[in-house]
């Protein structure tokens, strides 16, 4: 009996520890990015609107990320010696795109047309959280089907519960 209880204790403790370690350190909710871009500084402190950088959101399914050229446009003048801006300059000099890691990634069989949501008056923070307060962008919404349906239901979206609305 002792051995069984000891085995159960070790198993449960190991399982919970592994779960917690995976959740805290290996979660894809806030992946490490190649440049520690702070939305708090840009969108929060400096009040840059989301659509100034994510220029495709109003006219495309994807919001997109700003080009290196757009970032350099400001940082030729501002904070040129900051370590993260030095990294940015490296991408600019090598003529390489910054390999950002998507935080809000959906499965390939799901479509999320940004332009339709923006034209419908949906604010970015409804899905993305309070980005202007985030140094590191963290996925705060599950982006799972039930979450989307709940939103479509609460906003009484026409055809919002039909499969083809979100699925390709």
N, C-alpha and C. Protein backbone atom coordinates (compact mmCIF):
# COMPACT_ATOMS: atom_id res chain seq x y z
N UNK A 1 0.82 -1.20 0.00
CA UNK A 1 0.00 0.00 0.00
C UNK A 1 0.86 1.26 0.00
N UNK A 2 1.92 1.23 0.82
CA UNK A 2 2.84 2.35 0.90
C UNK A 2 3.41 2.71 -0.47
N UNK A 3 3.85 1.68 -1.15
CA UNK A 3 4.47 1.89 -2.46
C UNK A 3 3.47 2.51 -3.44
N UNK A 4 2.24 2.06 -3.39
CA UNK A 4 1.22 2.59 -4.28
C UNK A 4 0.95 4.07 -4.01
N UNK A 5 0.85 4.43 -2.72
CA UNK A 5 0.63 5.84 -2.36
C UNK A 5 1.83 6.70 -2.76
N UNK A 6 3.03 6.16 -2.52
CA UNK A 6 4.23 6.90 -2.90
C UNK A 6 4.28 7.09 -4.41
N UNK A 7 3.97 6.05 -5.16
CA UNK A 7 3.95 6.15 -6.62
C UNK A 7 2.91 7.18 -7.08
N UNK A 8 1.71 7.13 -6.49
CA UNK A 8 0.65 8.09 -6.86
C UNK A 8 1.08 9.51 -6.54
N UNK A 9 1.71 9.71 -5.37
CA UNK A 9 2.17 11.06 -4.99
C UNK A 9 3.21 11.57 -5.99
N UNK A 10 4.19 10.74 -6.32
CA UNK A 10 5.25 11.15 -7.26
C UNK A 10 4.63 11.43 -8.63
N UNK A 11 3.71 10.57 -9.07
CA UNK A 11 3.08 10.77 -10.38
C UNK A 11 2.32 12.09 -10.43
N UNK A 12 1.50 12.35 -9.44
CA UNK A 12 0.69 13.58 -9.43
C UNK A 12 1.59 14.81 -9.32
N UNK A 13 2.59 14.76 -8.45
CA UNK A 13 3.51 15.89 -8.30
C UNK A 13 4.27 16.16 -9.59
N UNK A 14 4.75 15.13 -10.24
CA UNK A 14 5.46 15.29 -11.50
C UNK A 14 4.55 15.86 -12.58
N UNK A 15 3.32 15.36 -12.65
CA UNK A 15 2.37 15.84 -13.66
C UNK A 15 2.07 17.32 -13.46
N UNK A 16 1.78 17.72 -12.23
CA UNK A 16 1.46 19.13 -11.96
C UNK A 16 2.66 20.01 -12.22
N UNK A 17 3.84 19.58 -11.81
CA UNK A 17 5.06 20.38 -12.05
C UNK A 17 5.31 20.54 -13.54
N UNK A 18 5.18 19.47 -14.28
CA UNK A 18 5.38 19.53 -15.73
C UNK A 18 4.37 20.45 -16.39
N UNK A 19 3.14 20.37 -15.97
CA UNK A 19 2.10 21.22 -16.52
C UNK A 19 2.42 22.69 -16.25
N UNK A 20 2.81 23.00 -15.01
CA UNK A 20 3.11 24.39 -14.65
C UNK A 20 4.33 24.90 -15.42
N UNK A 21 5.36 24.10 -15.54
CA UNK A 21 6.57 24.51 -16.27
C UNK A 21 6.22 24.76 -17.73
N UNK A 22 5.44 23.88 -18.30
CA UNK A 22 5.04 24.05 -19.71
C UNK A 22 4.19 25.30 -19.90
N UNK A 23 3.30 25.54 -18.98
CA UNK A 23 2.42 26.70 -19.09
C UNK A 23 3.18 28.02 -18.96
N UNK A 24 4.12 28.06 -18.02
CA UNK A 24 4.82 29.31 -17.75
C UNK A 24 5.93 29.58 -18.76
N UNK A 25 6.78 28.58 -19.03
CA UNK A 25 7.98 28.83 -19.84
C UNK A 25 7.88 28.41 -21.30
N UNK A 26 6.99 27.51 -21.61
CA UNK A 26 6.93 27.01 -22.98
C UNK A 26 5.60 27.29 -23.66
N UNK A 27 4.88 28.23 -23.14
CA UNK A 27 3.61 28.61 -23.74
C UNK A 27 3.86 29.41 -25.01
N UNK A 28 3.00 29.27 -26.01
CA UNK A 28 3.14 30.07 -27.22
C UNK A 28 2.27 31.33 -27.13
N UNK A 29 1.82 31.66 -25.93
CA UNK A 29 1.00 32.86 -25.75
C UNK A 29 1.82 34.14 -25.84
N UNK A 30 3.12 34.05 -25.60
CA UNK A 30 3.98 35.23 -25.69
C UNK A 30 5.38 34.78 -26.10
N UNK A 31 5.53 34.36 -27.36
CA UNK A 31 6.84 33.86 -27.81
C UNK A 31 7.91 34.94 -27.80
N UNK A 32 9.13 34.52 -27.61
CA UNK A 32 10.26 35.45 -27.68
C UNK A 32 10.42 35.90 -29.12
N UNK A 33 10.50 37.20 -29.32
CA UNK A 33 10.59 37.77 -30.66
C UNK A 33 12.05 38.13 -30.98
N UNK A 34 12.39 38.24 -32.25
CA UNK A 34 13.77 38.59 -32.61
C UNK A 34 14.17 39.99 -32.16
N UNK A 35 13.21 40.89 -32.02
CA UNK A 35 13.43 42.22 -31.46
C UNK A 35 12.40 42.42 -30.36
N UNK A 36 12.86 42.87 -29.20
CA UNK A 36 11.94 43.08 -28.07
C UNK A 36 11.16 44.37 -28.31
N UNK A 37 10.20 44.27 -29.21
CA UNK A 37 9.36 45.42 -29.55
C UNK A 37 8.33 45.63 -28.46
N UNK A 38 8.26 46.84 -27.93
CA UNK A 38 7.30 47.15 -26.86
C UNK A 38 6.10 47.90 -27.43
N UNK A 39 4.95 47.24 -27.42
CA UNK A 39 3.73 47.93 -27.81
C UNK A 39 3.37 48.99 -26.77
N UNK A 40 3.77 48.78 -25.51
CA UNK A 40 3.49 49.77 -24.47
C UNK A 40 4.14 51.11 -24.83
N UNK A 41 5.38 51.06 -25.28
CA UNK A 41 6.08 52.30 -25.64
C UNK A 41 5.46 52.91 -26.90
N UNK A 42 5.25 52.09 -27.92
CA UNK A 42 4.79 52.62 -29.21
C UNK A 42 3.30 53.00 -29.18
N UNK A 43 2.44 52.04 -28.85
CA UNK A 43 1.00 52.29 -28.89
C UNK A 43 0.50 52.96 -27.61
N UNK A 44 1.14 52.65 -26.49
CA UNK A 44 0.71 53.22 -25.22
C UNK A 44 1.29 54.60 -24.99
N UNK A 45 2.58 54.66 -24.65
CA UNK A 45 3.22 55.93 -24.29
C UNK A 45 3.18 56.95 -25.43
N UNK A 46 3.41 56.50 -26.66
CA UNK A 46 3.46 57.43 -27.80
C UNK A 46 2.15 57.51 -28.58
N UNK A 47 1.18 56.70 -28.21
CA UNK A 47 -0.17 56.81 -28.78
C UNK A 47 -0.27 56.52 -30.27
N UNK A 48 0.60 55.69 -30.79
CA UNK A 48 0.54 55.35 -32.21
C UNK A 48 -0.64 54.40 -32.42
N UNK A 49 -1.61 54.77 -33.26
CA UNK A 49 -2.77 53.89 -33.48
C UNK A 49 -2.36 52.56 -34.14
N UNK A 50 -3.08 51.52 -33.83
CA UNK A 50 -2.77 50.17 -34.36
C UNK A 50 -2.65 50.19 -35.88
N UNK A 51 -3.58 50.88 -36.54
CA UNK A 51 -3.64 50.83 -37.99
C UNK A 51 -2.54 51.64 -38.68
N UNK A 52 -1.79 52.43 -37.93
CA UNK A 52 -0.64 53.12 -38.52
C UNK A 52 0.46 52.12 -38.90
N UNK A 53 0.58 51.07 -38.14
CA UNK A 53 1.62 50.06 -38.42
C UNK A 53 1.02 48.82 -39.09
N UNK A 54 -0.15 48.40 -38.66
CA UNK A 54 -0.79 47.21 -39.24
C UNK A 54 -1.71 47.70 -40.38
N UNK A 55 -1.07 48.15 -41.43
CA UNK A 55 -1.77 48.90 -42.48
C UNK A 55 -2.70 48.06 -43.34
N UNK A 56 -2.57 46.77 -43.32
CA UNK A 56 -3.43 45.93 -44.17
C UNK A 56 -4.75 45.57 -43.49
N UNK A 57 -4.86 45.82 -42.21
CA UNK A 57 -6.03 45.37 -41.45
C UNK A 57 -7.34 45.94 -42.00
N UNK A 58 -7.30 47.14 -42.52
CA UNK A 58 -8.54 47.76 -43.02
C UNK A 58 -8.95 47.26 -44.39
N UNK A 59 -8.02 46.64 -45.12
CA UNK A 59 -8.33 46.26 -46.49
C UNK A 59 -8.01 44.82 -46.84
N UNK A 60 -7.69 44.02 -45.85
CA UNK A 60 -7.27 42.65 -46.12
C UNK A 60 -7.70 41.72 -44.98
N UNK A 61 -7.58 40.44 -45.24
CA UNK A 61 -7.87 39.46 -44.19
C UNK A 61 -6.81 39.52 -43.09
N UNK A 62 -5.59 39.82 -43.47
CA UNK A 62 -4.50 39.86 -42.49
C UNK A 62 -4.17 41.31 -42.13
N UNK A 63 -3.74 41.50 -40.90
CA UNK A 63 -3.37 42.85 -40.46
C UNK A 63 -1.97 43.21 -40.94
N UNK A 64 -1.10 42.19 -41.00
CA UNK A 64 0.27 42.42 -41.41
C UNK A 64 1.11 43.09 -40.34
N UNK A 65 2.39 43.06 -40.55
CA UNK A 65 3.32 43.75 -39.66
C UNK A 65 4.02 44.82 -40.50
N UNK A 66 4.47 45.87 -39.86
CA UNK A 66 5.13 46.94 -40.63
C UNK A 66 6.43 46.44 -41.25
N UNK A 67 6.75 47.03 -42.37
CA UNK A 67 8.01 46.69 -43.02
C UNK A 67 9.17 47.26 -42.20
N UNK A 68 10.34 46.70 -42.43
CA UNK A 68 11.53 47.22 -41.75
C UNK A 68 11.72 48.68 -42.14
N UNK A 69 11.41 49.00 -43.39
CA UNK A 69 11.54 50.38 -43.87
C UNK A 69 10.68 51.34 -43.05
N UNK A 70 9.47 50.91 -42.73
CA UNK A 70 8.57 51.77 -41.94
C UNK A 70 9.17 52.01 -40.55
N UNK A 71 9.69 50.96 -39.94
CA UNK A 71 10.29 51.10 -38.60
C UNK A 71 11.52 52.02 -38.67
N UNK A 72 12.33 51.81 -39.68
CA UNK A 72 13.54 52.63 -39.84
C UNK A 72 13.16 54.08 -40.10
N UNK A 73 12.03 54.28 -40.75
CA UNK A 73 11.58 55.64 -41.02
C UNK A 73 11.54 56.50 -39.76
N UNK A 74 11.11 55.92 -38.67
CA UNK A 74 11.10 56.65 -37.39
C UNK A 74 12.44 56.56 -36.69
N UNK A 75 13.04 55.36 -36.71
CA UNK A 75 14.24 55.15 -35.91
C UNK A 75 15.53 55.62 -36.57
N UNK A 76 15.44 56.28 -37.72
CA UNK A 76 16.62 56.97 -38.23
C UNK A 76 16.93 58.15 -37.34
N UNK A 77 15.87 58.62 -36.67
CA UNK A 77 15.98 59.82 -35.84
C UNK A 77 15.86 59.49 -34.35
N UNK A 78 14.93 58.59 -34.04
CA UNK A 78 14.57 58.34 -32.65
C UNK A 78 15.33 57.14 -32.08
N UNK A 79 15.98 57.33 -30.95
CA UNK A 79 16.62 56.25 -30.17
C UNK A 79 17.55 55.37 -31.01
N UNK A 80 18.35 55.96 -31.81
CA UNK A 80 19.21 55.21 -32.74
C UNK A 80 20.19 54.29 -32.01
N UNK A 81 20.58 54.63 -30.80
CA UNK A 81 21.59 53.84 -30.09
C UNK A 81 20.99 52.77 -29.18
N UNK A 82 19.68 52.72 -29.05
CA UNK A 82 19.04 51.71 -28.20
C UNK A 82 19.34 50.32 -28.76
N UNK A 83 19.63 49.35 -27.89
CA UNK A 83 20.02 48.01 -28.36
C UNK A 83 19.03 47.37 -29.35
N UNK A 84 17.74 47.52 -29.10
CA UNK A 84 16.76 46.91 -30.00
C UNK A 84 16.71 47.63 -31.34
N UNK A 85 17.00 48.93 -31.33
CA UNK A 85 17.05 49.68 -32.59
C UNK A 85 18.32 49.31 -33.36
N UNK A 86 19.38 49.00 -32.65
CA UNK A 86 20.60 48.52 -33.32
C UNK A 86 20.30 47.20 -34.04
N UNK A 87 19.53 46.33 -33.39
CA UNK A 87 19.11 45.07 -34.05
C UNK A 87 18.29 45.39 -35.29
N UNK A 88 17.37 46.34 -35.16
CA UNK A 88 16.54 46.76 -36.30
C UNK A 88 17.42 47.23 -37.45
N UNK A 89 18.41 48.05 -37.13
CA UNK A 89 19.34 48.53 -38.17
C UNK A 89 20.06 47.38 -38.85
N UNK A 90 20.36 46.33 -38.09
CA UNK A 90 21.01 45.16 -38.68
C UNK A 90 20.12 44.53 -39.77
N UNK A 91 18.85 44.38 -39.47
CA UNK A 91 17.92 43.83 -40.48
C UNK A 91 17.85 44.76 -41.68
N UNK A 92 17.84 46.06 -41.42
CA UNK A 92 17.76 47.04 -42.50
C UNK A 92 19.00 46.97 -43.39
N UNK A 93 20.16 46.92 -42.78
CA UNK A 93 21.41 46.87 -43.56
C UNK A 93 21.54 45.58 -44.35
N UNK A 94 21.06 44.48 -43.77
CA UNK A 94 21.13 43.18 -44.49
C UNK A 94 19.97 43.02 -45.48
N UNK A 95 19.05 43.98 -45.47
CA UNK A 95 17.86 43.93 -46.32
C UNK A 95 17.07 42.65 -46.07
N UNK A 96 16.88 42.33 -44.80
CA UNK A 96 16.14 41.13 -44.38
C UNK A 96 14.87 41.55 -43.66
N UNK A 97 13.79 40.81 -43.86
CA UNK A 97 12.61 41.06 -43.03
C UNK A 97 12.86 40.55 -41.61
N UNK A 98 12.17 41.13 -40.68
CA UNK A 98 12.30 40.67 -39.29
C UNK A 98 11.44 39.40 -39.15
N UNK A 99 12.02 38.32 -38.69
CA UNK A 99 11.24 37.07 -38.59
C UNK A 99 10.36 37.01 -37.34
N UNK A 100 9.36 37.89 -37.31
CA UNK A 100 8.43 37.91 -36.17
C UNK A 100 7.74 36.56 -36.03
N UNK A 101 7.38 36.23 -34.83
CA UNK A 101 6.64 35.00 -34.55
C UNK A 101 5.20 35.41 -34.23
N UNK A 102 4.25 34.85 -34.97
CA UNK A 102 2.84 35.22 -34.77
C UNK A 102 2.37 34.81 -33.38
N UNK A 103 1.71 35.72 -32.73
CA UNK A 103 1.15 35.46 -31.41
C UNK A 103 -0.31 35.02 -31.56
N UNK A 104 -1.00 35.67 -32.49
CA UNK A 104 -2.41 35.36 -32.71
C UNK A 104 -2.53 34.55 -34.00
N UNK A 105 -2.24 33.30 -33.90
CA UNK A 105 -2.21 32.42 -35.06
C UNK A 105 -3.42 31.50 -35.04
N UNK A 106 -4.07 31.40 -36.18
CA UNK A 106 -5.25 30.53 -36.29
C UNK A 106 -4.91 29.34 -37.16
N UNK A 107 -5.62 28.24 -36.98
CA UNK A 107 -5.41 27.09 -37.86
C UNK A 107 -5.70 27.46 -39.32
N UNK A 108 -5.10 26.73 -40.25
CA UNK A 108 -5.26 27.03 -41.67
C UNK A 108 -6.71 26.93 -42.15
N UNK A 109 -7.54 26.15 -41.47
CA UNK A 109 -8.92 25.98 -41.93
C UNK A 109 -9.86 27.08 -41.41
N UNK A 110 -9.28 28.05 -40.73
CA UNK A 110 -10.08 29.15 -40.18
C UNK A 110 -9.68 30.45 -40.87
N UNK A 111 -10.67 31.26 -41.16
CA UNK A 111 -10.37 32.58 -41.72
C UNK A 111 -10.87 33.65 -40.76
N UNK A 112 -10.07 34.66 -40.59
CA UNK A 112 -10.45 35.79 -39.75
C UNK A 112 -10.19 37.05 -40.56
N UNK A 113 -11.20 37.56 -41.25
CA UNK A 113 -10.99 38.76 -42.07
C UNK A 113 -10.94 40.02 -41.20
N UNK A 114 -9.75 40.54 -41.03
CA UNK A 114 -9.59 41.76 -40.23
C UNK A 114 -10.46 42.89 -40.76
N UNK A 115 -10.46 43.05 -42.10
CA UNK A 115 -11.20 44.20 -42.66
C UNK A 115 -12.68 44.14 -42.31
N UNK A 116 -13.25 42.95 -42.32
CA UNK A 116 -14.68 42.84 -42.00
C UNK A 116 -14.94 43.22 -40.54
N UNK A 117 -14.07 42.82 -39.66
CA UNK A 117 -14.25 43.15 -38.25
C UNK A 117 -14.05 44.64 -38.00
N UNK A 118 -13.04 45.23 -38.64
CA UNK A 118 -12.78 46.66 -38.46
C UNK A 118 -13.93 47.48 -39.03
N UNK A 119 -14.40 47.08 -40.20
CA UNK A 119 -15.53 47.81 -40.80
C UNK A 119 -16.79 47.66 -39.96
N UNK A 120 -16.88 46.56 -39.21
CA UNK A 120 -18.02 46.35 -38.32
C UNK A 120 -17.87 47.09 -36.99
N UNK A 121 -16.76 47.79 -36.83
CA UNK A 121 -16.58 48.58 -35.62
C UNK A 121 -15.96 47.83 -34.45
N UNK A 122 -15.44 46.63 -34.71
CA UNK A 122 -14.82 45.86 -33.64
C UNK A 122 -13.47 46.50 -33.30
N UNK A 123 -13.27 46.80 -32.06
CA UNK A 123 -12.01 47.38 -31.61
C UNK A 123 -10.95 46.28 -31.49
N UNK A 124 -9.72 46.61 -31.81
CA UNK A 124 -8.62 45.64 -31.80
C UNK A 124 -8.50 44.93 -30.45
N UNK A 125 -8.71 45.70 -29.37
CA UNK A 125 -8.51 45.12 -28.04
C UNK A 125 -9.52 44.03 -27.69
N UNK A 126 -10.62 43.95 -28.42
CA UNK A 126 -11.60 42.90 -28.13
C UNK A 126 -10.98 41.51 -28.30
N UNK A 127 -10.15 41.34 -29.33
CA UNK A 127 -9.48 40.06 -29.56
C UNK A 127 -8.06 40.06 -29.00
N UNK A 128 -7.37 41.19 -29.10
CA UNK A 128 -5.95 41.22 -28.79
C UNK A 128 -5.63 41.68 -27.37
N UNK A 129 -6.62 42.11 -26.63
CA UNK A 129 -6.37 42.58 -25.27
C UNK A 129 -5.88 44.02 -25.28
N UNK A 130 -5.44 44.47 -24.14
CA UNK A 130 -5.01 45.86 -23.99
C UNK A 130 -3.55 46.00 -24.45
N UNK A 131 -3.36 45.94 -25.74
CA UNK A 131 -2.02 45.97 -26.34
C UNK A 131 -1.22 47.19 -25.89
N UNK A 132 -1.82 48.39 -25.81
CA UNK A 132 -1.01 49.55 -25.40
C UNK A 132 -0.38 49.43 -24.02
N UNK A 133 -0.78 48.46 -23.25
CA UNK A 133 -0.15 48.26 -21.93
C UNK A 133 0.81 47.07 -21.91
N UNK A 134 1.03 46.46 -23.09
CA UNK A 134 1.88 45.26 -23.13
C UNK A 134 3.27 45.57 -23.65
N UNK A 135 4.28 45.25 -22.85
CA UNK A 135 5.64 45.28 -23.37
C UNK A 135 5.85 44.09 -24.30
N UNK A 136 5.34 42.96 -23.87
CA UNK A 136 5.41 41.74 -24.67
C UNK A 136 3.99 41.36 -25.02
N UNK A 137 3.70 41.26 -26.30
CA UNK A 137 2.35 40.91 -26.71
C UNK A 137 2.04 39.49 -26.27
N UNK A 138 0.94 39.36 -25.59
CA UNK A 138 0.51 38.07 -25.07
C UNK A 138 -0.89 37.80 -25.58
N UNK A 139 -1.11 36.58 -26.04
CA UNK A 139 -2.46 36.22 -26.48
C UNK A 139 -3.33 36.09 -25.24
N UNK A 140 -4.35 36.93 -25.16
CA UNK A 140 -5.22 36.94 -23.98
C UNK A 140 -6.56 36.25 -24.25
N UNK A 141 -6.88 36.06 -25.52
CA UNK A 141 -8.12 35.38 -25.87
C UNK A 141 -7.77 34.00 -26.38
N UNK A 142 -8.68 33.06 -26.18
CA UNK A 142 -8.38 31.69 -26.60
C UNK A 142 -8.35 31.57 -28.12
N UNK A 143 -9.14 32.39 -28.81
CA UNK A 143 -9.30 32.32 -30.26
C UNK A 143 -9.84 30.96 -30.70
N UNK A 144 -10.44 30.25 -29.79
CA UNK A 144 -11.06 28.96 -30.12
C UNK A 144 -12.48 29.23 -30.64
N UNK A 145 -13.04 28.21 -31.27
CA UNK A 145 -14.34 28.36 -31.93
C UNK A 145 -15.42 28.86 -30.97
N UNK A 146 -15.49 28.31 -29.78
CA UNK A 146 -16.51 28.72 -28.83
C UNK A 146 -16.39 30.19 -28.46
N UNK A 147 -15.15 30.66 -28.36
CA UNK A 147 -14.92 32.07 -28.03
C UNK A 147 -15.45 32.96 -29.16
N UNK A 148 -15.15 32.59 -30.41
CA UNK A 148 -15.62 33.37 -31.56
C UNK A 148 -17.15 33.35 -31.65
N UNK A 149 -17.73 32.16 -31.47
CA UNK A 149 -19.19 32.06 -31.55
C UNK A 149 -19.84 32.89 -30.45
N UNK A 150 -19.25 32.88 -29.27
CA UNK A 150 -19.78 33.68 -28.17
C UNK A 150 -19.81 35.16 -28.53
N UNK A 151 -18.74 35.61 -29.17
CA UNK A 151 -18.67 37.02 -29.59
C UNK A 151 -19.70 37.30 -30.68
N UNK A 152 -19.76 36.42 -31.69
CA UNK A 152 -20.72 36.61 -32.78
C UNK A 152 -22.15 36.62 -32.23
N UNK A 153 -22.41 35.78 -31.25
CA UNK A 153 -23.74 35.72 -30.65
C UNK A 153 -24.04 37.00 -29.88
N UNK A 154 -23.08 37.45 -29.08
CA UNK A 154 -23.33 38.65 -28.26
C UNK A 154 -23.50 39.90 -29.13
N UNK A 155 -22.84 39.94 -30.28
CA UNK A 155 -23.00 41.10 -31.18
C UNK A 155 -24.07 40.86 -32.24
N UNK A 156 -24.75 39.71 -32.14
CA UNK A 156 -25.83 39.38 -33.07
C UNK A 156 -25.37 39.53 -34.53
N UNK A 157 -24.24 38.91 -34.85
CA UNK A 157 -23.64 39.00 -36.18
C UNK A 157 -24.49 38.20 -37.18
N UNK A 158 -24.84 38.84 -38.28
CA UNK A 158 -25.62 38.16 -39.32
C UNK A 158 -24.79 36.98 -39.84
N UNK A 159 -25.34 35.81 -39.89
CA UNK A 159 -24.68 34.57 -40.29
C UNK A 159 -23.49 34.24 -39.40
N UNK A 160 -23.44 34.81 -38.22
CA UNK A 160 -22.30 34.65 -37.32
C UNK A 160 -22.12 33.26 -36.75
N UNK A 161 -23.13 32.43 -36.85
CA UNK A 161 -23.00 31.06 -36.34
C UNK A 161 -22.93 30.03 -37.47
N UNK A 162 -22.94 30.49 -38.71
CA UNK A 162 -22.81 29.57 -39.84
C UNK A 162 -21.36 29.13 -39.98
N UNK A 163 -21.16 27.88 -40.34
CA UNK A 163 -19.80 27.32 -40.44
C UNK A 163 -18.94 28.11 -41.42
N UNK A 164 -19.53 28.44 -42.57
CA UNK A 164 -18.76 29.08 -43.62
C UNK A 164 -18.32 30.49 -43.28
N UNK A 165 -18.87 31.05 -42.24
CA UNK A 165 -18.47 32.39 -41.83
C UNK A 165 -16.99 32.41 -41.41
N UNK A 166 -16.57 31.37 -40.74
CA UNK A 166 -15.19 31.34 -40.23
C UNK A 166 -14.33 30.24 -40.85
N UNK A 167 -14.97 29.21 -41.37
CA UNK A 167 -14.19 28.08 -41.91
C UNK A 167 -14.04 28.19 -43.41
N UNK A 168 -12.86 27.84 -43.88
CA UNK A 168 -12.57 27.88 -45.32
C UNK A 168 -13.17 26.66 -45.98
